[in-house]
PDB file of all heavy atoms in Angstrom:
ATOM      1  N   PRO A   1     -37.490 -19.408  34.807  1.00  0.00           N
ATOM      2  CA  PRO A   1     -38.596 -20.049  34.091  1.00  0.00           C
ATOM      3  C   PRO A   1     -38.394 -21.535  33.817  1.00  0.00           C
ATOM      4  O   PRO A   1     -39.364 -22.275  33.660  1.00  0.00           O
ATOM      5  CB  PRO A   1     -38.656 -19.263  32.763  1.00  0.00           C
ATOM      6  CG  PRO A   1     -37.974 -17.967  33.052  1.00  0.00           C
ATOM      7  CD  PRO A   1     -36.920 -18.286  34.062  1.00  0.00           C
ATOM      8  N   ALA A   2     -37.118 -21.980  33.771  1.00  0.00           N
ATOM      9  CA  ALA A   2     -36.840 -23.364  33.392  1.00  0.00           C
ATOM     10  C   ALA A   2     -37.078 -24.349  34.537  1.00  0.00           C
ATOM     11  O   ALA A   2     -37.117 -25.564  34.299  1.00  0.00           O
ATOM     12  CB  ALA A   2     -35.397 -23.492  32.896  1.00  0.00           C
ATOM     13  N   VAL A   3     -37.246 -23.874  35.778  1.00  0.00           N
ATOM     14  CA  VAL A   3     -37.447 -24.789  36.903  1.00  0.00           C
ATOM     15  C   VAL A   3     -38.909 -25.235  36.942  1.00  0.00           C
ATOM     16  O   VAL A   3     -39.808 -24.405  37.077  1.00  0.00           O
ATOM     17  CB  VAL A   3     -37.095 -24.108  38.243  1.00  0.00           C
ATOM     18  CG1 VAL A   3     -37.381 -25.050  39.405  1.00  0.00           C
ATOM     19  CG2 VAL A   3     -35.625 -23.691  38.245  1.00  0.00           C
ATOM     20  N   PRO A   4     -39.184 -26.544  36.804  1.00  0.00           N
ATOM     21  CA  PRO A   4     -40.573 -27.033  36.847  1.00  0.00           C
ATOM     22  C   PRO A   4     -41.255 -26.647  38.148  1.00  0.00           C
ATOM     23  O   PRO A   4     -40.638 -26.697  39.222  1.00  0.00           O
ATOM     24  CB  PRO A   4     -40.422 -28.557  36.717  1.00  0.00           C
ATOM     25  CG  PRO A   4     -39.087 -28.758  36.061  1.00  0.00           C
ATOM     26  CD  PRO A   4     -38.226 -27.647  36.571  1.00  0.00           C
ATOM     27  N   PHE A   5     -42.524 -26.268  38.065  1.00  0.00           N
ATOM     28  CA  PHE A   5     -43.248 -25.785  39.238  1.00  0.00           C
ATOM     29  C   PHE A   5     -43.327 -26.859  40.316  1.00  0.00           C
ATOM     30  O   PHE A   5     -43.178 -26.571  41.501  1.00  0.00           O
ATOM     31  CB  PHE A   5     -44.654 -25.339  38.820  1.00  0.00           C
ATOM     32  CG  PHE A   5     -45.315 -24.424  39.813  1.00  0.00           C
ATOM     33  CD1 PHE A   5     -44.774 -23.178  40.087  1.00  0.00           C
ATOM     34  CD2 PHE A   5     -46.473 -24.803  40.470  1.00  0.00           C
ATOM     35  CE1 PHE A   5     -45.368 -22.313  41.003  1.00  0.00           C
ATOM     36  CE2 PHE A   5     -47.082 -23.960  41.391  1.00  0.00           C
ATOM     37  CZ  PHE A   5     -46.527 -22.712  41.646  1.00  0.00           C
ATOM     38  N   PHE A   6     -43.548 -28.116  39.930  1.00  0.00           N
ATOM     39  CA  PHE A   6     -43.651 -29.196  40.904  1.00  0.00           C
ATOM     40  C   PHE A   6     -42.343 -29.370  41.661  1.00  0.00           C
ATOM     41  O   PHE A   6     -42.332 -29.556  42.883  1.00  0.00           O
ATOM     42  CB  PHE A   6     -44.034 -30.502  40.213  1.00  0.00           C
ATOM     43  CG  PHE A   6     -44.162 -31.674  41.148  1.00  0.00           C
ATOM     44  CD1 PHE A   6     -45.325 -31.870  41.882  1.00  0.00           C
ATOM     45  CD2 PHE A   6     -43.125 -32.580  41.316  1.00  0.00           C
ATOM     46  CE1 PHE A   6     -45.452 -32.939  42.760  1.00  0.00           C
ATOM     47  CE2 PHE A   6     -43.242 -33.658  42.182  1.00  0.00           C
ATOM     48  CZ  PHE A   6     -44.408 -33.826  42.902  1.00  0.00           C
ATOM     49  N   VAL A   7     -41.230 -29.302  40.940  1.00  0.00           N
ATOM     50  CA  VAL A   7     -39.912 -29.432  41.568  1.00  0.00           C
ATOM     51  C   VAL A   7     -39.694 -28.312  42.573  1.00  0.00           C
ATOM     52  O   VAL A   7     -39.203 -28.534  43.688  1.00  0.00           O
ATOM     53  CB  VAL A   7     -38.806 -29.422  40.503  1.00  0.00           C
ATOM     54  CG1 VAL A   7     -37.419 -29.388  41.153  1.00  0.00           C
ATOM     55  CG2 VAL A   7     -38.925 -30.642  39.597  1.00  0.00           C
ATOM     56  N   ALA A   8     -40.079 -27.087  42.194  1.00  0.00           N
ATOM     57  CA  ALA A   8     -39.915 -25.943  43.084  1.00  0.00           C
ATOM     58  C   ALA A   8     -40.798 -26.043  44.322  1.00  0.00           C
ATOM     59  O   ALA A   8     -40.530 -25.402  45.338  1.00  0.00           O
ATOM     60  CB  ALA A   8     -40.226 -24.646  42.335  1.00  0.00           C
ATOM     61  N   ASN A   9     -41.844 -26.860  44.255  1.00  0.00           N
ATOM     62  CA  ASN A   9     -42.722 -27.058  45.409  1.00  0.00           C
ATOM     63  C   ASN A   9     -42.212 -28.139  46.346  1.00  0.00           C
ATOM     64  O   ASN A   9     -42.380 -28.041  47.570  1.00  0.00           O
ATOM     65  CB  ASN A   9     -44.132 -27.437  44.943  1.00  0.00           C
ATOM     66  CG  ASN A   9     -44.808 -26.341  44.158  1.00  0.00           C
ATOM     67  OD1 ASN A   9     -44.505 -25.162  44.329  1.00  0.00           O
ATOM     68  ND2 ASN A   9     -45.715 -26.714  43.279  1.00  0.00           N
ATOM     69  N   VAL A  10     -41.595 -29.172  45.808  1.00  0.00           N
ATOM     70  CA  VAL A  10     -41.216 -30.344  46.593  1.00  0.00           C
ATOM     71  C   VAL A  10     -39.827 -30.220  47.209  1.00  0.00           C
ATOM     72  O   VAL A  10     -39.633 -30.563  48.385  1.00  0.00           O
ATOM     73  CB  VAL A  10     -41.303 -31.612  45.720  1.00  0.00           C
ATOM     74  CG1 VAL A  10     -40.742 -32.807  46.459  1.00  0.00           C
ATOM     75  CG2 VAL A  10     -42.752 -31.888  45.331  1.00  0.00           C
ATOM     76  N   VAL A  11     -38.855 -29.733  46.429  1.00  0.00           N
ATOM     77  CA  VAL A  11     -37.476 -29.674  46.913  1.00  0.00           C
ATOM     78  C   VAL A  11     -37.339 -28.892  48.216  1.00  0.00           C
ATOM     79  O   VAL A  11     -36.650 -29.343  49.146  1.00  0.00           O
ATOM     80  CB  VAL A  11     -36.548 -29.101  45.819  1.00  0.00           C
ATOM     81  CG1 VAL A  11     -35.164 -28.802  46.395  1.00  0.00           C
ATOM     82  CG2 VAL A  11     -36.425 -30.078  44.656  1.00  0.00           C
ATOM     83  N   PRO A  12     -37.976 -27.710  48.362  1.00  0.00           N
ATOM     84  CA  PRO A  12     -37.847 -26.994  49.647  1.00  0.00           C
ATOM     85  C   PRO A  12     -38.322 -27.813  50.841  1.00  0.00           C
ATOM     86  O   PRO A  12     -37.788 -27.674  51.946  1.00  0.00           O
ATOM     87  CB  PRO A  12     -38.716 -25.746  49.448  1.00  0.00           C
ATOM     88  CG  PRO A  12     -38.703 -25.519  47.973  1.00  0.00           C
ATOM     89  CD  PRO A  12     -38.714 -26.895  47.371  1.00  0.00           C
ATOM     90  N   ALA A  13     -39.320 -28.663  50.638  1.00  0.00           N
ATOM     91  CA  ALA A  13     -39.819 -29.498  51.733  1.00  0.00           C
ATOM     92  C   ALA A  13     -38.780 -30.513  52.169  1.00  0.00           C
ATOM     93  O   ALA A  13     -38.738 -30.904  53.346  1.00  0.00           O
ATOM     94  CB  ALA A  13     -41.101 -30.214  51.299  1.00  0.00           C
ATOM     95  N   PHE A  14     -37.938 -30.937  51.253  1.00  0.00           N
ATOM     96  CA  PHE A  14     -36.941 -31.962  51.554  1.00  0.00           C
ATOM     97  C   PHE A  14     -35.698 -31.396  52.256  1.00  0.00           C
ATOM     98  O   PHE A  14     -34.872 -32.167  52.744  1.00  0.00           O
ATOM     99  CB  PHE A  14     -36.514 -32.674  50.276  1.00  0.00           C
ATOM    100  CG  PHE A  14     -37.614 -33.505  49.660  1.00  0.00           C
ATOM    101  CD1 PHE A  14     -37.560 -33.872  48.330  1.00  0.00           C
ATOM    102  CD2 PHE A  14     -38.714 -33.901  50.407  1.00  0.00           C
ATOM    103  CE1 PHE A  14     -38.572 -34.640  47.755  1.00  0.00           C
ATOM    104  CE2 PHE A  14     -39.727 -34.659  49.851  1.00  0.00           C
ATOM    105  CZ  PHE A  14     -39.659 -35.037  48.529  1.00  0.00           C
ATOM    106  N   VAL A  15     -35.546 -30.080  52.267  1.00  0.00           N
ATOM    107  CA  VAL A  15     -34.358 -29.492  52.900  1.00  0.00           C
ATOM    108  C   VAL A  15     -34.731 -28.665  54.126  1.00  0.00           C
ATOM    109  O   VAL A  15     -33.923 -27.875  54.625  1.00  0.00           O
ATOM    110  CB  VAL A  15     -33.562 -28.629  51.889  1.00  0.00           C
ATOM    111  CG1 VAL A  15     -32.979 -29.504  50.796  1.00  0.00           C
ATOM    112  CG2 VAL A  15     -34.425 -27.519  51.317  1.00  0.00           C
ATOM    113  N   GLY A  16     -35.954 -28.814  54.613  1.00  0.00           N
ATOM    114  CA  GLY A  16     -36.334 -28.201  55.879  1.00  0.00           C
ATOM    115  C   GLY A  16     -36.723 -26.742  55.827  1.00  0.00           C
ATOM    116  O   GLY A  16     -36.621 -26.036  56.832  1.00  0.00           O
ATOM    117  N   VAL A  17     -37.187 -26.256  54.684  1.00  0.00           N
ATOM    118  CA  VAL A  17     -37.637 -24.862  54.582  1.00  0.00           C
ATOM    119  C   VAL A  17     -38.915 -24.691  55.405  1.00  0.00           C
ATOM    120  O   VAL A  17     -39.802 -25.548  55.386  1.00  0.00           O
ATOM    121  CB  VAL A  17     -37.890 -24.477  53.115  1.00  0.00           C
ATOM    122  CG1 VAL A  17     -38.578 -23.119  53.012  1.00  0.00           C
ATOM    123  CG2 VAL A  17     -36.574 -24.480  52.339  1.00  0.00           C
ATOM    124  N   SER A  18     -39.034 -23.574  56.098  1.00  0.00           N
ATOM    125  CA  SER A  18     -40.230 -23.320  56.901  1.00  0.00           C
ATOM    126  C   SER A  18     -41.411 -22.972  56.006  1.00  0.00           C
ATOM    127  O   SER A  18     -41.238 -22.467  54.884  1.00  0.00           O
ATOM    128  CB  SER A  18     -39.985 -22.169  57.885  1.00  0.00           C
ATOM    129  OG  SER A  18     -39.854 -20.941  57.188  1.00  0.00           O
ATOM    130  N   LEU A  19     -42.608 -23.236  56.505  1.00  0.00           N
ATOM    131  CA  LEU A  19     -43.825 -22.952  55.738  1.00  0.00           C
ATOM    132  C   LEU A  19     -43.923 -21.472  55.411  1.00  0.00           C
ATOM    133  O   LEU A  19     -44.289 -21.094  54.292  1.00  0.00           O
ATOM    134  CB  LEU A  19     -45.050 -23.411  56.529  1.00  0.00           C
ATOM    135  CG  LEU A  19     -46.416 -23.144  55.871  1.00  0.00           C
ATOM    136  CD1 LEU A  19     -46.542 -23.925  54.583  1.00  0.00           C
ATOM    137  CD2 LEU A  19     -47.548 -23.508  56.841  1.00  0.00           C
ATOM    138  N   TRP A  20     -43.610 -20.611  56.377  1.00  0.00           N
ATOM    139  CA  TRP A  20     -43.716 -19.168  56.167  1.00  0.00           C
ATOM    140  C   TRP A  20     -42.814 -18.704  55.029  1.00  0.00           C
ATOM    141  O   TRP A  20     -43.248 -17.957  54.141  1.00  0.00           O
ATOM    142  CB  TRP A  20     -43.351 -18.436  57.463  1.00  0.00           C
ATOM    143  CG  TRP A  20     -43.122 -16.970  57.301  1.00  0.00           C
ATOM    144  CD1 TRP A  20     -41.943 -16.296  57.450  1.00  0.00           C
ATOM    145  CD2 TRP A  20     -44.096 -15.970  56.966  1.00  0.00           C
ATOM    146  NE1 TRP A  20     -42.107 -14.958  57.225  1.00  0.00           N
ATOM    147  CE2 TRP A  20     -43.425 -14.718  56.920  1.00  0.00           C
ATOM    148  CE3 TRP A  20     -45.456 -16.010  56.680  1.00  0.00           C
ATOM    149  CZ2 TRP A  20     -44.080 -13.527  56.618  1.00  0.00           C
ATOM    150  CZ3 TRP A  20     -46.113 -14.818  56.379  1.00  0.00           C
ATOM    151  CH2 TRP A  20     -45.429 -13.595  56.358  1.00  0.00           C
ATOM    152  N   ARG A  21     -41.553 -19.145  55.024  1.00  0.00           N
ATOM    153  CA  ARG A  21     -40.647 -18.746  53.949  1.00  0.00           C
ATOM    154  C   ARG A  21     -41.121 -19.266  52.602  1.00  0.00           C
ATOM    155  O   ARG A  21     -41.014 -18.567  51.585  1.00  0.00           O
ATOM    156  CB  ARG A  21     -39.236 -19.252  54.242  1.00  0.00           C
ATOM    157  CG  ARG A  21     -38.526 -18.520  55.355  1.00  0.00           C
ATOM    158  CD  ARG A  21     -37.062 -18.906  55.450  1.00  0.00           C
ATOM    159  NE  ARG A  21     -36.401 -18.180  56.517  1.00  0.00           N
ATOM    160  CZ  ARG A  21     -35.098 -18.214  56.739  1.00  0.00           C
ATOM    161  NH1 ARG A  21     -34.322 -18.965  55.966  1.00  0.00           N
ATOM    162  NH2 ARG A  21     -34.567 -17.524  57.724  1.00  0.00           N
ATOM    163  N   PHE A  22     -41.627 -20.476  52.603  1.00  0.00           N
ATOM    164  CA  PHE A  22     -42.094 -21.050  51.346  1.00  0.00           C
ATOM    165  C   PHE A  22     -43.249 -20.230  50.772  1.00  0.00           C
ATOM    166  O   PHE A  22     -43.266 -19.913  49.581  1.00  0.00           O
ATOM    167  CB  PHE A  22     -42.532 -22.501  51.553  1.00  0.00           C
ATOM    168  CG  PHE A  22     -43.066 -23.147  50.312  1.00  0.00           C
ATOM    169  CD1 PHE A  22     -42.205 -23.715  49.389  1.00  0.00           C
ATOM    170  CD2 PHE A  22     -44.437 -23.168  50.051  1.00  0.00           C
ATOM    171  CE1 PHE A  22     -42.694 -24.303  48.223  1.00  0.00           C
ATOM    172  CE2 PHE A  22     -44.931 -23.749  48.899  1.00  0.00           C
ATOM    173  CZ  PHE A  22     -44.053 -24.314  47.980  1.00  0.00           C
ATOM    174  N   VAL A  23     -44.222 -19.891  51.603  1.00  0.00           N
ATOM    175  CA  VAL A  23     -45.395 -19.151  51.135  1.00  0.00           C
ATOM    176  C   VAL A  23     -44.999 -17.770  50.618  1.00  0.00           C
ATOM    177  O   VAL A  23     -45.430 -17.344  49.535  1.00  0.00           O
ATOM    178  CB  VAL A  23     -46.445 -19.028  52.254  1.00  0.00           C
ATOM    179  CG1 VAL A  23     -47.576 -18.102  51.838  1.00  0.00           C
ATOM    180  CG2 VAL A  23     -47.007 -20.402  52.611  1.00  0.00           C
ATOM    181  N   VAL A  24     -44.180 -17.059  51.382  1.00  0.00           N
ATOM    182  CA  VAL A  24     -43.790 -15.703  50.992  1.00  0.00           C
ATOM    183  C   VAL A  24     -43.013 -15.707  49.678  1.00  0.00           C
ATOM    184  O   VAL A  24     -43.305 -14.919  48.761  1.00  0.00           O
ATOM    185  CB  VAL A  24     -42.951 -15.039  52.105  1.00  0.00           C
ATOM    186  CG1 VAL A  24     -42.349 -13.722  51.619  1.00  0.00           C
ATOM    187  CG2 VAL A  24     -43.803 -14.796  53.336  1.00  0.00           C
ATOM    188  N   THR A  25     -42.019 -16.577  49.570  1.00  0.00           N
ATOM    189  CA  THR A  25     -41.198 -16.598  48.355  1.00  0.00           C
ATOM    190  C   THR A  25     -41.971 -17.122  47.157  1.00  0.00           C
ATOM    191  O   THR A  25     -41.720 -16.695  46.022  1.00  0.00           O
ATOM    192  CB  THR A  25     -39.937 -17.445  48.561  1.00  0.00           C
ATOM    193  OG1 THR A  25     -40.304 -18.764  49.004  1.00  0.00           O
ATOM    194  CG2 THR A  25     -39.020 -16.809  49.586  1.00  0.00           C
ATOM    195  N   THR A  26     -42.912 -18.019  47.387  1.00  0.00           N
ATOM    196  CA  THR A  26     -43.739 -18.499  46.278  1.00  0.00           C
ATOM    197  C   THR A  26     -44.632 -17.384  45.763  1.00  0.00           C
ATOM    198  O   THR A  26     -44.677 -17.111  44.552  1.00  0.00           O
ATOM    199  CB  THR A  26     -44.604 -19.692  46.716  1.00  0.00           C
ATOM    200  OG1 THR A  26     -43.758 -20.777  47.086  1.00  0.00           O
ATOM    201  CG2 THR A  26     -45.518 -20.150  45.582  1.00  0.00           C
ATOM    202  N   PHE A  27     -45.341 -16.726  46.660  1.00  0.00           N
ATOM    203  CA  PHE A  27     -46.261 -15.664  46.251  1.00  0.00           C
ATOM    204  C   PHE A  27     -45.527 -14.552  45.502  1.00  0.00           C
ATOM    205  O   PHE A  27     -45.949 -14.126  44.422  1.00  0.00           O
ATOM    206  CB  PHE A  27     -46.975 -15.089  47.477  1.00  0.00           C
ATOM    207  CG  PHE A  27     -48.051 -14.098  47.139  1.00  0.00           C
ATOM    208  CD1 PHE A  27     -49.354 -14.518  46.924  1.00  0.00           C
ATOM    209  CD2 PHE A  27     -47.758 -12.743  47.033  1.00  0.00           C
ATOM    210  CE1 PHE A  27     -50.344 -13.600  46.602  1.00  0.00           C
ATOM    211  CE2 PHE A  27     -48.743 -11.818  46.713  1.00  0.00           C
ATOM    212  CZ  PHE A  27     -50.045 -12.247  46.504  1.00  0.00           C
ATOM    213  N   LEU A  28     -44.410 -14.094  46.065  1.00  0.00           N
ATOM    214  CA  LEU A  28     -43.680 -12.994  45.436  1.00  0.00           C
ATOM    215  C   LEU A  28     -42.893 -13.450  44.212  1.00  0.00           C
ATOM    216  O   LEU A  28     -42.816 -12.733  43.212  1.00  0.00           O
ATOM    217  CB  LEU A  28     -42.721 -12.354  46.451  1.00  0.00           C
ATOM    218  CG  LEU A  28     -43.389 -11.691  47.667  1.00  0.00           C
ATOM    219  CD1 LEU A  28     -42.323 -11.146  48.617  1.00  0.00           C
ATOM    220  CD2 LEU A  28     -44.340 -10.594  47.241  1.00  0.00           C
ATOM    221  N   GLY A  29     -42.337 -14.659  44.272  1.00  0.00           N
ATOM    222  CA  GLY A  29     -41.483 -15.129  43.191  1.00  0.00           C
ATOM    223  C   GLY A  29     -42.206 -15.452  41.905  1.00  0.00           C
ATOM    224  O   GLY A  29     -41.631 -15.349  40.816  1.00  0.00           O
ATOM    225  N   ILE A  30     -43.487 -15.837  41.990  1.00  0.00           N
ATOM    226  CA  ILE A  30     -44.215 -16.186  40.766  1.00  0.00           C
ATOM    227  C   ILE A  30     -44.913 -14.983  40.149  1.00  0.00           C
ATOM    228  O   ILE A  30     -45.521 -15.106  39.075  1.00  0.00           O
ATOM    229  CB  ILE A  30     -45.252 -17.302  41.022  1.00  0.00           C
ATOM    230  CG1 ILE A  30     -46.353 -16.824  41.978  1.00  0.00           C
ATOM    231  CG2 ILE A  30     -44.578 -18.554  41.542  1.00  0.00           C
ATOM    232  CD1 ILE A  30     -47.453 -17.852  42.190  1.00  0.00           C
ATOM    233  N   ILE A  31     -44.815 -13.821  40.777  1.00  0.00           N
ATOM    234  CA  ILE A  31     -45.504 -12.640  40.250  1.00  0.00           C
ATOM    235  C   ILE A  31     -45.091 -12.293  38.817  1.00  0.00           C
ATOM    236  O   ILE A  31     -45.964 -12.090  37.960  1.00  0.00           O
ATOM    237  CB  ILE A  31     -45.297 -11.430  41.188  1.00  0.00           C
ATOM    238  CG1 ILE A  31     -46.139 -11.603  42.459  1.00  0.00           C
ATOM    239  CG2 ILE A  31     -45.679 -10.123  40.490  1.00  0.00           C
ATOM    240  CD1 ILE A  31     -45.937 -10.500  43.486  1.00  0.00           C
ATOM    241  N   PRO A  32     -43.775 -12.222  38.490  1.00  0.00           N
ATOM    242  CA  PRO A  32     -43.418 -11.833  37.120  1.00  0.00           C
ATOM    243  C   PRO A  32     -44.008 -12.751  36.055  1.00  0.00           C
ATOM    244  O   PRO A  32     -44.639 -12.287  35.092  1.00  0.00           O
ATOM    245  CB  PRO A  32     -41.882 -11.911  37.125  1.00  0.00           C
ATOM    246  CG  PRO A  32     -41.507 -11.691  38.548  1.00  0.00           C
ATOM    247  CD  PRO A  32     -42.576 -12.376  39.344  1.00  0.00           C
ATOM    248  N   GLY A  33     -43.823 -14.064  36.194  1.00  0.00           N
ATOM    249  CA  GLY A  33     -44.350 -14.999  35.206  1.00  0.00           C
ATOM    250  C   GLY A  33     -45.863 -14.985  35.153  1.00  0.00           C
ATOM    251  O   GLY A  33     -46.466 -15.045  34.065  1.00  0.00           O
ATOM    252  N   ALA A  34     -46.503 -14.892  36.320  1.00  0.00           N
ATOM    253  CA  ALA A  34     -47.969 -14.889  36.360  1.00  0.00           C
ATOM    254  C   ALA A  34     -48.536 -13.660  35.676  1.00  0.00           C
ATOM    255  O   ALA A  34     -49.537 -13.753  34.935  1.00  0.00           O
ATOM    256  CB  ALA A  34     -48.456 -14.958  37.807  1.00  0.00           C
ATOM    257  N   VAL A  35     -47.926 -12.507  35.883  1.00  0.00           N
ATOM    258  CA  VAL A  35     -48.413 -11.279  35.243  1.00  0.00           C
ATOM    259  C   VAL A  35     -48.266 -11.368  33.725  1.00  0.00           C
ATOM    260  O   VAL A  35     -49.163 -10.947  32.974  1.00  0.00           O
ATOM    261  CB  VAL A  35     -47.662 -10.050  35.800  1.00  0.00           C
ATOM    262  CG1 VAL A  35     -47.975  -8.801  34.981  1.00  0.00           C
ATOM    263  CG2 VAL A  35     -48.040  -9.818  37.254  1.00  0.00           C
ATOM    264  N   VAL A  36     -47.143 -11.929  33.268  1.00  0.00           N
ATOM    265  CA  VAL A  36     -46.920 -12.062  31.820  1.00  0.00           C
ATOM    266  C   VAL A  36     -48.007 -12.928  31.188  1.00  0.00           C
ATOM    267  O   VAL A  36     -48.659 -12.528  30.220  1.00  0.00           O
ATOM    268  CB  VAL A  36     -45.526 -12.653  31.537  1.00  0.00           C
ATOM    269  CG1 VAL A  36     -45.407 -13.038  30.052  1.00  0.00           C
ATOM    270  CG2 VAL A  36     -44.440 -11.663  31.916  1.00  0.00           C
ATOM    271  N   TYR A  37     -48.232 -14.122  31.737  1.00  0.00           N
ATOM    272  CA  TYR A  37     -49.206 -15.032  31.140  1.00  0.00           C
ATOM    273  C   TYR A  37     -50.638 -14.549  31.347  1.00  0.00           C
ATOM    274  O   TYR A  37     -51.511 -14.785  30.505  1.00  0.00           O
ATOM    275  CB  TYR A  37     -49.032 -16.438  31.711  1.00  0.00           C
ATOM    276  CG  TYR A  37     -47.871 -17.174  31.090  1.00  0.00           C
ATOM    277  CD1 TYR A  37     -46.792 -17.610  31.861  1.00  0.00           C
ATOM    278  CD2 TYR A  37     -47.830 -17.430  29.726  1.00  0.00           C
ATOM    279  CE1 TYR A  37     -45.719 -18.279  31.300  1.00  0.00           C
ATOM    280  CE2 TYR A  37     -46.768 -18.087  29.153  1.00  0.00           C
ATOM    281  CZ  TYR A  37     -45.709 -18.508  29.936  1.00  0.00           C
ATOM    282  OH  TYR A  37     -44.647 -19.157  29.361  1.00  0.00           O
ATOM    283  N   THR A  38     -50.902 -13.853  32.461  1.00  0.00           N
ATOM    284  CA  THR A  38     -52.245 -13.310  32.662  1.00  0.00           C
ATOM    285  C   THR A  38     -52.523 -12.226  31.640  1.00  0.00           C
ATOM    286  O   THR A  38     -53.647 -12.128  31.112  1.00  0.00           O
ATOM    287  CB  THR A  38     -52.392 -12.737  34.085  1.00  0.00           C
ATOM    288  OG1 THR A  38     -52.062 -13.740  35.040  1.00  0.00           O
ATOM    289  CG2 THR A  38     -53.831 -12.299  34.336  1.00  0.00           C
ATOM    290  N   SER A  39     -51.540 -11.419  31.331  1.00  0.00           N
ATOM    291  CA  SER A  39     -51.720 -10.376  30.317  1.00  0.00           C
ATOM    292  C   SER A  39     -51.948 -10.979  28.937  1.00  0.00           C
ATOM    293  O   SER A  39     -52.718 -10.446  28.136  1.00  0.00           O
ATOM    294  CB  SER A  39     -50.507  -9.439  30.291  1.00  0.00           C
ATOM    295  OG  SER A  39     -49.329 -10.119  29.884  1.00  0.00           O
ATOM    296  N   VAL A  40     -51.279 -12.119  28.673  1.00  0.00           N
ATOM    297  CA  VAL A  40     -51.546 -12.828  27.409  1.00  0.00           C
ATOM    298  C   VAL A  40     -52.995 -13.291  27.384  1.00  0.00           C
ATOM    299  O   VAL A  40     -53.695 -13.157  26.376  1.00  0.00           O
ATOM    300  CB  VAL A  40     -50.593 -14.033  27.248  1.00  0.00           C
ATOM    301  CG1 VAL A  40     -51.008 -14.888  26.047  1.00  0.00           C
ATOM    302  CG2 VAL A  40     -49.151 -13.561  27.083  1.00  0.00           C
ATOM    303  N   GLY A  41     -53.462 -13.833  28.508  1.00  0.00           N
ATOM    304  CA  GLY A  41     -54.855 -14.268  28.590  1.00  0.00           C
ATOM    305  C   GLY A  41     -55.832 -13.124  28.419  1.00  0.00           C
ATOM    306  O   GLY A  41     -56.906 -13.293  27.825  1.00  0.00           O
ATOM    307  N   ALA A  42     -55.474 -11.942  28.930  1.00  0.00           N
ATOM    308  CA  ALA A  42     -56.359 -10.785  28.805  1.00  0.00           C
ATOM    309  C   ALA A  42     -56.549 -10.369  27.354  1.00  0.00           C
ATOM    310  O   ALA A  42     -57.557  -9.731  27.018  1.00  0.00           O
ATOM    311  CB  ALA A  42     -55.802  -9.616  29.618  1.00  0.00           C
ATOM    312  N   GLY A  43     -55.609 -10.731  26.492  1.00  0.00           N
ATOM    313  CA  GLY A  43     -55.721 -10.386  25.077  1.00  0.00           C
ATOM    314  C   GLY A  43     -56.253 -11.510  24.212  1.00  0.00           C
ATOM    315  O   GLY A  43     -56.194 -11.434  22.977  1.00  0.00           O
ATOM    316  N   LEU A  44     -56.787 -12.565  24.844  1.00  0.00           N
ATOM    317  CA  LEU A  44     -57.252 -13.714  24.072  1.00  0.00           C
ATOM    318  C   LEU A  44     -58.459 -13.393  23.193  1.00  0.00           C
ATOM    319  O   LEU A  44     -58.686 -14.078  22.195  1.00  0.00           O
ATOM    320  CB  LEU A  44     -57.606 -14.876  25.009  1.00  0.00           C
ATOM    321  CG  LEU A  44     -56.425 -15.677  25.563  1.00  0.00           C
ATOM    322  CD1 LEU A  44     -56.936 -16.822  26.431  1.00  0.00           C
ATOM    323  CD2 LEU A  44     -55.563 -16.227  24.435  1.00  0.00           C
TER     324      LEU A  44
END
């Protein structure tokens, strides 16, 4: 959670990560945090 989202988007581009790996790991990796905050929103 402590890694800024912008940093997590830019750093992989600077070390040659492929687009496919970036998309897959982003989609799956943000699921836990997204579900938590979406559930908070559902109770607003």
